[in-house]
Amino acid sequence: MGTVTLSPPSTSFMMTCSPPEGSRSGHFPARGDRTNYADLAHAGKPHKGKVTDAEKQLVQENFDEINARLAREGIRTINLAEPEHAERYGLEELASTHNPDVDGHNEDPDDD
């Protein structure tokens, strides 16, 4: 009986193989390619991650500009009437001065 000799797989074959299904490779951006939400072009966009202090500061300082950009892009705007939005971006104080009470007046604790 003859001897069978196996050679290692060729590198060209290996390079054409796809990563296994469920592998992170190719499905998620590399860490360096992630969206920078602390940039004015992306601040305020919905995302699952934690809002950084830098993003909060940008939203607080540029609230109207950011909301206008979000609306132009067809993305949900930051709604001061939504407690989750106000808390997420540190806008509780701004929200308290912009949310009308049930009588249609702005809530202002100094009006007493």
N, C-alpha and C. Protein backbone atom coordinates (compact mmCIF):
# COMPACT_ATOMS: atom_id res chain seq x y z
N MET A 1 0.84 -1.16 0.00
CA MET A 1 0.00 0.00 0.00
C MET A 1 0.90 1.24 0.00
N GLY A 2 0.48 2.28 -0.74
CA GLY A 2 1.28 3.47 -0.89
C GLY A 2 1.13 4.44 0.29
N THR A 3 2.05 5.36 0.40
CA THR A 3 2.04 6.35 1.46
C THR A 3 1.33 7.61 0.96
N VAL A 4 0.45 8.15 1.81
CA VAL A 4 -0.26 9.39 1.47
C VAL A 4 0.43 10.54 2.17
N THR A 5 0.79 11.56 1.42
CA THR A 5 1.43 12.73 1.99
C THR A 5 0.45 13.90 1.96
N LEU A 6 0.25 14.49 3.11
CA LEU A 6 -0.65 15.66 3.20
C LEU A 6 0.17 16.92 3.27
N SER A 7 -0.21 17.90 2.50
CA SER A 7 0.49 19.18 2.57
C SER A 7 -0.41 20.18 3.31
N PRO A 8 0.17 21.20 3.89
CA PRO A 8 -0.65 22.19 4.60
C PRO A 8 -1.56 22.93 3.62
N PRO A 9 -2.69 23.41 4.10
CA PRO A 9 -3.60 24.12 3.19
C PRO A 9 -2.93 25.36 2.63
N SER A 10 -3.29 25.69 1.40
CA SER A 10 -2.68 26.86 0.79
C SER A 10 -3.24 28.13 1.42
N THR A 11 -2.42 29.17 1.48
CA THR A 11 -2.86 30.43 2.07
C THR A 11 -3.92 31.09 1.22
N SER A 12 -3.91 30.89 -0.08
CA SER A 12 -4.94 31.51 -0.93
C SER A 12 -6.31 30.92 -0.61
N PHE A 13 -6.35 29.61 -0.34
CA PHE A 13 -7.61 29.00 0.05
C PHE A 13 -8.08 29.55 1.39
N MET A 14 -7.17 29.68 2.33
CA MET A 14 -7.54 30.15 3.66
C MET A 14 -8.04 31.60 3.62
N MET A 15 -7.52 32.41 2.74
CA MET A 15 -7.92 33.81 2.66
C MET A 15 -9.32 33.96 2.06
N THR A 16 -9.78 32.98 1.32
CA THR A 16 -11.11 33.08 0.73
C THR A 16 -12.19 32.53 1.65
N CYS A 17 -11.80 31.95 2.75
CA CYS A 17 -12.78 31.40 3.70
C CYS A 17 -13.44 32.52 4.47
N SER A 18 -14.72 32.37 4.73
CA SER A 18 -15.47 33.34 5.53
C SER A 18 -15.30 33.00 7.00
N PRO A 19 -15.41 34.02 7.89
CA PRO A 19 -15.34 33.72 9.31
C PRO A 19 -16.55 32.89 9.73
N PRO A 20 -16.42 32.12 10.79
CA PRO A 20 -17.54 31.29 11.23
C PRO A 20 -18.77 32.14 11.53
N GLU A 21 -19.94 31.58 11.29
CA GLU A 21 -21.18 32.29 11.57
C GLU A 21 -21.23 32.65 13.05
N GLY A 22 -21.67 33.87 13.35
CA GLY A 22 -21.73 34.32 14.73
C GLY A 22 -20.43 34.95 15.19
N SER A 23 -19.41 34.89 14.35
CA SER A 23 -18.14 35.50 14.70
C SER A 23 -18.29 37.02 14.67
N ARG A 24 -17.60 37.71 15.56
CA ARG A 24 -17.66 39.17 15.59
C ARG A 24 -16.98 39.78 14.37
N SER A 25 -16.05 39.07 13.79
CA SER A 25 -15.30 39.58 12.66
C SER A 25 -16.23 39.94 11.51
N GLY A 26 -16.16 41.18 11.08
CA GLY A 26 -16.95 41.61 9.94
C GLY A 26 -18.35 42.08 10.29
N HIS A 27 -18.80 41.85 11.50
CA HIS A 27 -20.15 42.24 11.87
C HIS A 27 -20.20 43.53 12.68
N PHE A 28 -19.13 43.87 13.33
CA PHE A 28 -19.10 45.05 14.18
C PHE A 28 -17.89 45.88 13.80
N PRO A 29 -18.01 47.18 13.90
CA PRO A 29 -16.84 48.01 13.58
C PRO A 29 -15.73 47.80 14.61
N ALA A 30 -14.51 47.98 14.17
CA ALA A 30 -13.39 47.91 15.10
C ALA A 30 -13.51 49.06 16.08
N ARG A 31 -12.88 48.92 17.22
CA ARG A 31 -12.99 49.96 18.26
C ARG A 31 -12.66 51.35 17.71
N GLY A 32 -11.69 51.46 16.86
CA GLY A 32 -11.31 52.75 16.32
C GLY A 32 -12.33 53.32 15.34
N ASP A 33 -13.24 52.48 14.84
CA ASP A 33 -14.23 52.92 13.85
C ASP A 33 -15.58 53.26 14.47
N ARG A 34 -15.69 53.26 15.77
CA ARG A 34 -16.96 53.52 16.42
C ARG A 34 -17.35 54.99 16.29
N THR A 35 -18.65 55.23 16.33
CA THR A 35 -19.16 56.60 16.24
C THR A 35 -18.76 57.36 17.50
N ASN A 36 -18.28 58.56 17.32
CA ASN A 36 -17.90 59.41 18.45
C ASN A 36 -19.08 60.32 18.78
N TYR A 37 -19.85 59.96 19.79
CA TYR A 37 -21.02 60.74 20.18
C TYR A 37 -20.63 62.01 20.93
N ALA A 38 -19.36 62.18 21.23
CA ALA A 38 -18.88 63.40 21.85
C ALA A 38 -18.46 64.40 20.78
N ASP A 39 -18.88 64.17 19.54
CA ASP A 39 -18.63 65.05 18.42
C ASP A 39 -19.97 65.72 18.07
N LEU A 40 -19.94 66.99 17.75
CA LEU A 40 -21.17 67.73 17.46
C LEU A 40 -21.98 67.08 16.34
N ALA A 41 -21.33 66.40 15.42
CA ALA A 41 -22.02 65.76 14.29
C ALA A 41 -22.83 64.54 14.72
N HIS A 42 -22.55 63.99 15.91
CA HIS A 42 -23.23 62.76 16.35
C HIS A 42 -23.89 62.88 17.72
N ALA A 43 -23.58 63.92 18.47
CA ALA A 43 -24.12 64.07 19.83
C ALA A 43 -25.64 64.09 19.78
N GLY A 44 -26.24 63.39 20.73
CA GLY A 44 -27.70 63.36 20.85
C GLY A 44 -28.36 62.22 20.09
N LYS A 45 -27.62 61.55 19.20
CA LYS A 45 -28.20 60.43 18.48
C LYS A 45 -28.47 59.29 19.47
N PRO A 46 -29.57 58.57 19.29
CA PRO A 46 -29.84 57.45 20.18
C PRO A 46 -28.74 56.38 20.05
N HIS A 47 -28.31 55.86 21.18
CA HIS A 47 -27.36 54.75 21.19
C HIS A 47 -27.50 54.01 22.51
N LYS A 48 -27.08 52.76 22.49
CA LYS A 48 -27.23 51.90 23.66
C LYS A 48 -26.21 52.17 24.74
N GLY A 49 -25.09 52.73 24.37
CA GLY A 49 -24.01 52.94 25.33
C GLY A 49 -24.31 54.05 26.31
N LYS A 50 -23.41 54.18 27.26
CA LYS A 50 -23.52 55.23 28.27
C LYS A 50 -23.21 56.58 27.63
N VAL A 51 -23.97 57.58 28.02
CA VAL A 51 -23.71 58.94 27.54
C VAL A 51 -22.54 59.48 28.35
N THR A 52 -21.49 59.89 27.66
CA THR A 52 -20.31 60.41 28.35
C THR A 52 -20.55 61.84 28.80
N ASP A 53 -19.72 62.29 29.72
CA ASP A 53 -19.82 63.68 30.18
C ASP A 53 -19.60 64.65 29.02
N ALA A 54 -18.72 64.29 28.09
CA ALA A 54 -18.46 65.15 26.93
C ALA A 54 -19.71 65.28 26.05
N GLU A 55 -20.42 64.16 25.83
CA GLU A 55 -21.64 64.22 25.03
C GLU A 55 -22.70 65.03 25.75
N LYS A 56 -22.87 64.80 27.05
CA LYS A 56 -23.84 65.59 27.84
C LYS A 56 -23.57 67.07 27.71
N GLN A 57 -22.30 67.45 27.86
CA GLN A 57 -21.93 68.86 27.78
C GLN A 57 -22.27 69.43 26.41
N LEU A 58 -21.96 68.70 25.35
CA LEU A 58 -22.28 69.16 23.99
C LEU A 58 -23.78 69.37 23.83
N VAL A 59 -24.57 68.41 24.30
CA VAL A 59 -26.03 68.51 24.17
C VAL A 59 -26.54 69.70 24.98
N GLN A 60 -26.02 69.87 26.19
CA GLN A 60 -26.46 70.98 27.04
C GLN A 60 -26.13 72.33 26.41
N GLU A 61 -24.95 72.45 25.84
CA GLU A 61 -24.49 73.72 25.28
C GLU A 61 -25.03 74.01 23.88
N ASN A 62 -25.49 72.97 23.17
CA ASN A 62 -25.92 73.12 21.78
C ASN A 62 -27.29 72.47 21.55
N PHE A 63 -28.16 72.52 22.56
CA PHE A 63 -29.42 71.78 22.53
C PHE A 63 -30.24 72.06 21.26
N ASP A 64 -30.50 73.32 20.97
CA ASP A 64 -31.35 73.66 19.81
C ASP A 64 -30.71 73.22 18.50
N GLU A 65 -29.40 73.44 18.36
CA GLU A 65 -28.69 73.06 17.14
C GLU A 65 -28.71 71.53 16.95
N ILE A 66 -28.48 70.80 18.03
CA ILE A 66 -28.47 69.33 17.95
C ILE A 66 -29.87 68.81 17.62
N ASN A 67 -30.90 69.35 18.26
CA ASN A 67 -32.26 68.89 17.95
C ASN A 67 -32.64 69.21 16.51
N ALA A 68 -32.22 70.35 16.00
CA ALA A 68 -32.51 70.69 14.60
C ALA A 68 -31.82 69.70 13.66
N ARG A 69 -30.56 69.34 13.97
CA ARG A 69 -29.84 68.36 13.14
C ARG A 69 -30.52 67.00 13.20
N LEU A 70 -30.91 66.57 14.39
CA LEU A 70 -31.58 65.28 14.52
C LEU A 70 -32.87 65.26 13.70
N ALA A 71 -33.63 66.34 13.75
CA ALA A 71 -34.88 66.42 12.99
C ALA A 71 -34.60 66.36 11.48
N ARG A 72 -33.59 67.10 11.02
CA ARG A 72 -33.21 67.09 9.60
C ARG A 72 -32.83 65.69 9.15
N GLU A 73 -32.17 64.94 10.03
CA GLU A 73 -31.70 63.60 9.69
C GLU A 73 -32.79 62.54 9.88
N GLY A 74 -33.97 62.96 10.34
CA GLY A 74 -35.06 62.02 10.54
C GLY A 74 -34.87 61.13 11.76
N ILE A 75 -34.08 61.58 12.70
CA ILE A 75 -33.80 60.85 13.94
C ILE A 75 -34.63 61.47 15.06
N ARG A 76 -35.02 60.66 16.02
CA ARG A 76 -35.83 61.20 17.12
C ARG A 76 -35.07 62.36 17.78
N THR A 77 -35.81 63.40 18.11
CA THR A 77 -35.20 64.54 18.77
C THR A 77 -35.19 64.31 20.28
N ILE A 78 -34.44 65.13 20.98
CA ILE A 78 -34.39 65.04 22.44
C ILE A 78 -35.58 65.83 22.96
N ASN A 79 -36.47 65.15 23.64
CA ASN A 79 -37.72 65.73 24.11
C ASN A 79 -37.59 66.05 25.59
N LEU A 80 -37.64 67.33 25.93
CA LEU A 80 -37.50 67.75 27.32
C LEU A 80 -38.66 67.28 28.19
N ALA A 81 -39.79 66.93 27.57
CA ALA A 81 -40.93 66.43 28.32
C ALA A 81 -40.76 64.96 28.70
N GLU A 82 -39.75 64.30 28.12
CA GLU A 82 -39.46 62.90 28.43
C GLU A 82 -38.41 62.85 29.53
N PRO A 83 -38.78 62.44 30.74
CA PRO A 83 -37.81 62.41 31.85
C PRO A 83 -36.55 61.60 31.52
N GLU A 84 -36.70 60.52 30.74
CA GLU A 84 -35.53 59.70 30.39
C GLU A 84 -34.53 60.50 29.55
N HIS A 85 -35.05 61.32 28.63
CA HIS A 85 -34.16 62.14 27.80
C HIS A 85 -33.47 63.19 28.66
N ALA A 86 -34.24 63.88 29.50
CA ALA A 86 -33.67 64.93 30.35
C ALA A 86 -32.58 64.35 31.25
N GLU A 87 -32.85 63.20 31.85
CA GLU A 87 -31.87 62.59 32.74
C GLU A 87 -30.64 62.10 31.97
N ARG A 88 -30.86 61.48 30.83
CA ARG A 88 -29.75 60.92 30.03
C ARG A 88 -28.73 61.99 29.65
N TYR A 89 -29.21 63.18 29.32
CA TYR A 89 -28.33 64.24 28.86
C TYR A 89 -28.11 65.34 29.90
N GLY A 90 -28.57 65.13 31.12
CA GLY A 90 -28.37 66.12 32.19
C GLY A 90 -29.13 67.41 31.95
N LEU A 91 -30.34 67.29 31.41
CA LEU A 91 -31.13 68.47 31.04
C LEU A 91 -32.31 68.71 31.99
N GLU A 92 -32.24 68.18 33.21
CA GLU A 92 -33.36 68.33 34.14
C GLU A 92 -33.71 69.79 34.40
N GLU A 93 -32.71 70.62 34.59
CA GLU A 93 -32.97 72.04 34.88
C GLU A 93 -33.62 72.73 33.68
N LEU A 94 -33.10 72.47 32.49
CA LEU A 94 -33.68 73.04 31.28
C LEU A 94 -35.11 72.54 31.09
N ALA A 95 -35.31 71.26 31.35
CA ALA A 95 -36.65 70.67 31.19
C ALA A 95 -37.64 71.30 32.15
N SER A 96 -37.21 71.61 33.37
CA SER A 96 -38.14 72.19 34.34
C SER A 96 -38.57 73.59 33.94
N THR A 97 -37.77 74.29 33.16
CA THR A 97 -38.15 75.64 32.72
C THR A 97 -38.92 75.63 31.41
N HIS A 98 -38.92 74.49 30.70
CA HIS A 98 -39.59 74.42 29.40
C HIS A 98 -40.86 73.60 29.40
N ASN A 99 -41.10 72.79 30.41
CA ASN A 99 -42.29 71.94 30.43
C ASN A 99 -43.45 72.68 31.04
N PRO A 100 -44.51 72.88 30.27
CA PRO A 100 -45.68 73.55 30.83
C PRO A 100 -46.39 72.65 31.83
N ASP A 101 -46.96 73.27 32.87
CA ASP A 101 -47.75 72.48 33.81
C ASP A 101 -49.13 72.25 33.22
N VAL A 102 -50.02 71.63 33.95
CA VAL A 102 -51.33 71.27 33.41
C VAL A 102 -52.16 72.48 33.03
N ASP A 103 -51.90 73.66 33.59
CA ASP A 103 -52.64 74.87 33.25
C ASP A 103 -52.08 75.55 32.00
N GLY A 104 -51.00 74.98 31.44
CA GLY A 104 -50.40 75.56 30.24
C GLY A 104 -49.36 76.61 30.54
N HIS A 105 -48.98 76.78 31.81
CA HIS A 105 -47.96 77.75 32.19
C HIS A 105 -46.64 77.02 32.39
N ASN A 106 -45.56 77.74 32.18
CA ASN A 106 -44.27 77.12 32.44
C ASN A 106 -44.08 76.97 33.94
N GLU A 107 -43.56 75.80 34.33
CA GLU A 107 -43.29 75.57 35.74
C GLU A 107 -42.10 76.44 36.13
N ASP A 108 -42.29 77.28 37.10
CA ASP A 108 -41.21 78.14 37.59
C ASP A 108 -41.37 78.24 39.09
N PRO A 109 -40.45 77.66 39.86
CA PRO A 109 -40.60 77.67 41.31
C PRO A 109 -40.56 79.08 41.89
N ASP A 110 -40.06 80.08 41.16
CA ASP A 110 -40.00 81.45 41.67
C ASP A 110 -41.31 82.19 41.49
N ASP A 111 -42.31 81.57 40.84
CA ASP A 111 -43.59 82.24 40.58
C ASP A 111 -44.53 82.24 41.79
N ASP A 112 -44.14 81.62 42.89
CA ASP A 112 -45.04 81.54 44.05
C ASP A 112 -45.27 82.86 44.69
